[in-house]
Amino acid sequence: MPKPVTPRLATDCVAIDAKGRVLLIRRKNPPYVGHYALPGGFVDIGETVDDACRREFMEETGVKAGKLHLVGVYSDPKRDPRFHTAAVVYLTRVRAPRAVAGDDAAAAEWIADWRKVDLAFDHNIILRDAMRALAKLSAGTTDA
């Protein structure tokens, strides 16, 4: 029986430090070479989405993710110009250790005002949603 054609499953991680900065990477590979993006990547066969998020975050930034909070699932067929992807996105709060670019990242940087940088994919929408989720977490509500 042939395998069904389905979207590729990915995960992205929104990491916030105590100063409210976001850890972003600069993309090393197409598409969006040189643009800022959230650390993330594709889920491997046999891997949970949570584990993939932690792995990709560590591979691309050298930083260990804290507790993961679901931000949402992003599945617009046009979100990635290469092919249809569905991304499960998490929010984590971390201390601000030195980030070191690795794997698919040309750079990893803590960015204070992410609204002023050119973001790849739909990551500006994701970051807005993540900031709303962070506000709910900070207020002590449990639906974030």
C-alpha atoms as a PDB file:
ATOM      1  CA  MET A   1       0.000   0.000   0.000  1.00  0.00           C
ATOM      2  CA  PRO A   2       1.487   3.406  -0.925  1.00  0.00           C
ATOM      3  CA  LYS A   3       2.149   5.927   1.810  1.00  0.00           C
ATOM      4  CA  PRO A   4      -0.352   8.774   1.965  1.00  0.00           C
ATOM      5  CA  VAL A   5       0.802  12.229   0.960  1.00  0.00           C
ATOM      6  CA  THR A   6       0.508  14.408   4.053  1.00  0.00           C
ATOM      7  CA  PRO A   7       2.019  17.644   5.385  1.00  0.00           C
ATOM      8  CA  ARG A   8       5.444  17.375   6.969  1.00  0.00           C
ATOM      9  CA  LEU A   9       5.366  17.655  10.764  1.00  0.00           C
ATOM     10  CA  ALA A  10       7.631  20.271  12.324  1.00  0.00           C
ATOM     11  CA  THR A  11       8.066  22.023  15.632  1.00  0.00           C
ATOM     12  CA  ASP A  12       9.250  25.502  16.606  1.00  0.00           C
ATOM     13  CA  CYS A  13      10.298  26.887  19.976  1.00  0.00           C
ATOM     14  CA  VAL A  14       9.678  30.390  21.310  1.00  0.00           C
ATOM     15  CA  ALA A  15      12.222  30.969  24.091  1.00  0.00           C
ATOM     16  CA  ILE A  16      11.877  34.006  26.358  1.00  0.00           C
ATOM     17  CA  ASP A  17      14.451  35.117  28.929  1.00  0.00           C
ATOM     18  CA  ALA A  18      13.896  37.088  32.165  1.00  0.00           C
ATOM     19  CA  LYS A  19      14.398  40.368  30.264  1.00  0.00           C
ATOM     20  CA  GLY A  20      11.638  39.487  27.791  1.00  0.00           C
ATOM     21  CA  ARG A  21      14.041  38.860  24.919  1.00  0.00           C
ATOM     22  CA  VAL A  22      13.351  36.167  22.322  1.00  0.00           C
ATOM     23  CA  LEU A  23      16.019  33.742  21.148  1.00  0.00           C
ATOM     24  CA  LEU A  24      16.058  33.747  17.341  1.00  0.00           C
ATOM     25  CA  ILE A  25      18.332  32.161  14.787  1.00  0.00           C
ATOM     26  CA  ARG A  26      19.481  33.472  11.435  1.00  0.00           C
ATOM     27  CA  ARG A  27      18.749  30.887   8.764  1.00  0.00           C
ATOM     28  CA  LYS A  28      21.749  29.324   7.078  1.00  0.00           C
ATOM     29  CA  ASN A  29      19.807  27.440   4.414  1.00  0.00           C
ATOM     30  CA  PRO A  30      17.020  28.245   1.945  1.00  0.00           C
ATOM     31  CA  PRO A  31      14.356  29.346   2.122  1.00  0.00           C
ATOM     32  CA  TYR A  32      14.830  32.716   3.810  1.00  0.00           C
ATOM     33  CA  VAL A  33      18.635  32.570   4.043  1.00  0.00           C
ATOM     34  CA  GLY A  34      19.823  35.240   6.493  1.00  0.00           C
ATOM     35  CA  HIS A  35      16.376  35.969   7.907  1.00  0.00           C
ATOM     36  CA  TYR A  36      15.605  35.633  11.579  1.00  0.00           C
ATOM     37  CA  ALA A  37      13.477  32.623  12.519  1.00  0.00           C
ATOM     38  CA  LEU A  38      12.381  30.634  15.514  1.00  0.00           C
ATOM     39  CA  PRO A  39      14.573  27.634  16.281  1.00  0.00           C
ATOM     40  CA  GLY A  40      12.877  24.494  15.071  1.00  0.00           C
ATOM     41  CA  GLY A  41      12.742  21.731  12.553  1.00  0.00           C
ATOM     42  CA  PHE A  42      11.186  18.482  11.503  1.00  0.00           C
ATOM     43  CA  VAL A  43      10.047  15.684  13.792  1.00  0.00           C
ATOM     44  CA  ASP A  44      11.954  12.441  13.276  1.00  0.00           C
ATOM     45  CA  ILE A  45      10.195   9.074  12.939  1.00  0.00           C
ATOM     46  CA  GLY A  46       9.838   7.548  16.413  1.00  0.00           C
ATOM     47  CA  GLU A  47      10.203  10.930  18.160  1.00  0.00           C
ATOM     48  CA  THR A  48       7.544  12.835  20.092  1.00  0.00           C
ATOM     49  CA  VAL A  49       6.863  16.426  19.093  1.00  0.00           C
ATOM     50  CA  ASP A  50       8.019  17.582  22.547  1.00  0.00           C
ATOM     51  CA  ASP A  51      11.313  15.711  22.185  1.00  0.00           C
ATOM     52  CA  ALA A  52      11.793  17.092  18.673  1.00  0.00           C
ATOM     53  CA  CYS A  53      11.242  20.622  19.969  1.00  0.00           C
ATOM     54  CA  ARG A  54      13.865  20.176  22.690  1.00  0.00           C
ATOM     55  CA  ARG A  55      16.309  18.519  20.268  1.00  0.00           C
ATOM     56  CA  GLU A  56      15.972  21.121  17.514  1.00  0.00           C
ATOM     57  CA  PHE A  57      16.198  23.980  20.017  1.00  0.00           C
ATOM     58  CA  MET A  58      19.414  22.566  21.497  1.00  0.00           C
ATOM     59  CA  GLU A  59      20.923  21.749  18.084  1.00  0.00           C
ATOM     60  CA  GLU A  60      20.307  25.244  16.714  1.00  0.00           C
ATOM     61  CA  THR A  61      21.064  27.387  19.799  1.00  0.00           C
ATOM     62  CA  GLY A  62      23.071  25.310  22.272  1.00  0.00           C
ATOM     63  CA  VAL A  63      20.493  26.245  24.943  1.00  0.00           C
ATOM     64  CA  LYS A  64      18.432  23.767  26.949  1.00  0.00           C
ATOM     65  CA  ALA A  65      14.677  24.390  26.864  1.00  0.00           C
ATOM     66  CA  GLY A  66      12.770  24.696  30.129  1.00  0.00           C
ATOM     67  CA  LYS A  67       9.187  23.554  30.652  1.00  0.00           C
ATOM     68  CA  LEU A  68       7.300  23.557  27.346  1.00  0.00           C
ATOM     69  CA  HIS A  69       3.906  25.266  26.996  1.00  0.00           C
ATOM     70  CA  LEU A  70       1.854  24.689  23.860  1.00  0.00           C
ATOM     71  CA  VAL A  71       1.304  27.882  21.848  1.00  0.00           C
ATOM     72  CA  GLY A  72      -0.549  26.284  18.953  1.00  0.00           C
ATOM     73  CA  VAL A  73      -0.475  24.371  15.698  1.00  0.00           C
ATOM     74  CA  TYR A  74       0.261  26.289  12.490  1.00  0.00           C
ATOM     75  CA  SER A  75      -0.773  24.525   9.314  1.00  0.00           C
ATOM     76  CA  ASP A  76      -1.423  27.059   6.556  1.00  0.00           C
ATOM     77  CA  PRO A  77      -0.428  25.172   3.383  1.00  0.00           C
ATOM     78  CA  LYS A  78       1.496  28.260   2.230  1.00  0.00           C
ATOM     79  CA  ARG A  79       3.484  28.837   5.441  1.00  0.00           C
ATOM     80  CA  ASP A  80       6.574  27.163   3.935  1.00  0.00           C
ATOM     81  CA  PRO A  81       7.335  27.864   0.264  1.00  0.00           C
ATOM     82  CA  ARG A  82       8.975  24.432  -0.185  1.00  0.00           C
ATOM     83  CA  PHE A  83       6.032  22.221   0.774  1.00  0.00           C
ATOM     84  CA  HIS A  84       3.077  21.955   3.131  1.00  0.00           C
ATOM     85  CA  THR A  85       4.220  21.812   6.759  1.00  0.00           C
ATOM     86  CA  ALA A  86       2.312  21.695  10.018  1.00  0.00           C
ATOM     87  CA  ALA A  87       4.230  23.038  13.012  1.00  0.00           C
ATOM     88  CA  VAL A  88       3.502  22.425  16.663  1.00  0.00           C
ATOM     89  CA  VAL A  89       4.862  25.454  18.515  1.00  0.00           C
ATOM     90  CA  TYR A  90       5.927  25.636  22.137  1.00  0.00           C
ATOM     91  CA  LEU A  91       6.870  28.447  24.499  1.00  0.00           C
ATOM     92  CA  THR A  92       9.621  28.063  27.088  1.00  0.00           C
ATOM     93  CA  ARG A  93      11.168  30.411  29.588  1.00  0.00           C
ATOM     94  CA  VAL A  94      14.917  30.092  29.998  1.00  0.00           C
ATOM     95  CA  ARG A  95      17.758  31.882  31.663  1.00  0.00           C
ATOM     96  CA  ALA A  96      19.760  33.892  29.151  1.00  0.00           C
ATOM     97  CA  PRO A  97      22.804  31.738  28.625  1.00  0.00           C
ATOM     98  CA  ARG A  98      25.072  32.439  25.731  1.00  0.00           C
ATOM     99  CA  ALA A  99      23.504  31.045  22.615  1.00  0.00           C
ATOM    100  CA  VAL A 100      25.728  29.311  20.076  1.00  0.00           C
ATOM    101  CA  ALA A 101      24.554  28.725  16.517  1.00  0.00           C
ATOM    102  CA  GLY A 102      24.607  25.149  15.326  1.00  0.00           C
ATOM    103  CA  ASP A 103      23.017  22.777  12.831  1.00  0.00           C
ATOM    104  CA  ASP A 104      20.875  24.842  10.402  1.00  0.00           C
ATOM    105  CA  ALA A 105      21.530  28.191  12.114  1.00  0.00           C
ATOM    106  CA  ALA A 106      24.069  30.743  10.886  1.00  0.00           C
ATOM    107  CA  ALA A 107      23.669  32.717  14.143  1.00  0.00           C
ATOM    108  CA  ALA A 108      21.669  32.558  17.377  1.00  0.00           C
ATOM    109  CA  GLU A 109      20.831  35.851  19.077  1.00  0.00           C
ATOM    110  CA  TRP A 110      18.733  37.166  21.944  1.00  0.00           C
ATOM    111  CA  ILE A 111      16.507  39.861  20.402  1.00  0.00           C
ATOM    112  CA  ALA A 112      14.809  42.488  22.577  1.00  0.00           C
ATOM    113  CA  ASP A 113      12.426  43.841  19.937  1.00  0.00           C
ATOM    114  CA  TRP A 114      11.563  41.040  17.536  1.00  0.00           C
ATOM    115  CA  ARG A 115       8.910  43.249  15.911  1.00  0.00           C
ATOM    116  CA  LYS A 116      11.694  45.209  14.196  1.00  0.00           C
ATOM    117  CA  VAL A 117      13.409  42.249  12.518  1.00  0.00           C
ATOM    118  CA  ASP A 118      12.608  40.486   9.267  1.00  0.00           C
ATOM    119  CA  LEU A 119      11.170  37.098  10.248  1.00  0.00           C
ATOM    120  CA  ALA A 120      10.910  33.991   8.068  1.00  0.00           C
ATOM    121  CA  PHE A 121       7.784  31.966   7.398  1.00  0.00           C
ATOM    122  CA  ASP A 122       4.797  32.903   9.618  1.00  0.00           C
ATOM    123  CA  HIS A 123       6.976  33.454  12.672  1.00  0.00           C
ATOM    124  CA  ASN A 124       5.692  36.982  13.309  1.00  0.00           C
ATOM    125  CA  ILE A 125       2.174  35.538  13.771  1.00  0.00           C
ATOM    126  CA  ILE A 126       3.540  32.778  15.997  1.00  0.00           C
ATOM    127  CA  LEU A 127       5.457  35.268  18.151  1.00  0.00           C
ATOM    128  CA  ARG A 128       2.348  37.440  18.637  1.00  0.00           C
ATOM    129  CA  ASP A 129       0.406  34.348  19.736  1.00  0.00           C
ATOM    130  CA  ALA A 130       3.255  33.284  22.029  1.00  0.00           C
ATOM    131  CA  MET A 131       3.298  36.693  23.729  1.00  0.00           C
ATOM    132  CA  ARG A 132      -0.428  36.332  24.454  1.00  0.00           C
ATOM    133  CA  ALA A 133       0.237  32.854  25.873  1.00  0.00           C
ATOM    134  CA  LEU A 134       3.085  34.248  27.988  1.00  0.00           C
ATOM    135  CA  ALA A 135       0.791  36.944  29.393  1.00  0.00           C
ATOM    136  CA  LYS A 136      -1.723  34.252  30.386  1.00  0.00           C
ATOM    137  CA  LEU A 137       1.005  32.175  32.030  1.00  0.00           C
ATOM    138  CA  SER A 138       2.295  35.224  33.900  1.00  0.00           C
ATOM    139  CA  ALA A 139      -1.258  36.030  35.053  1.00  0.00           C
ATOM    140  CA  GLY A 140      -1.597  32.486  36.359  1.00  0.00           C
ATOM    141  CA  THR A 141      -4.317  31.289  34.013  1.00  0.00           C
ATOM    142  CA  THR A 142      -4.061  27.663  33.017  1.00  0.00           C
ATOM    143  CA  ASP A 143      -5.269  27.732  29.430  1.00  0.00           C
ATOM    144  CA  ALA A 144      -1.963  28.905  27.941  1.00  0.00           C
END
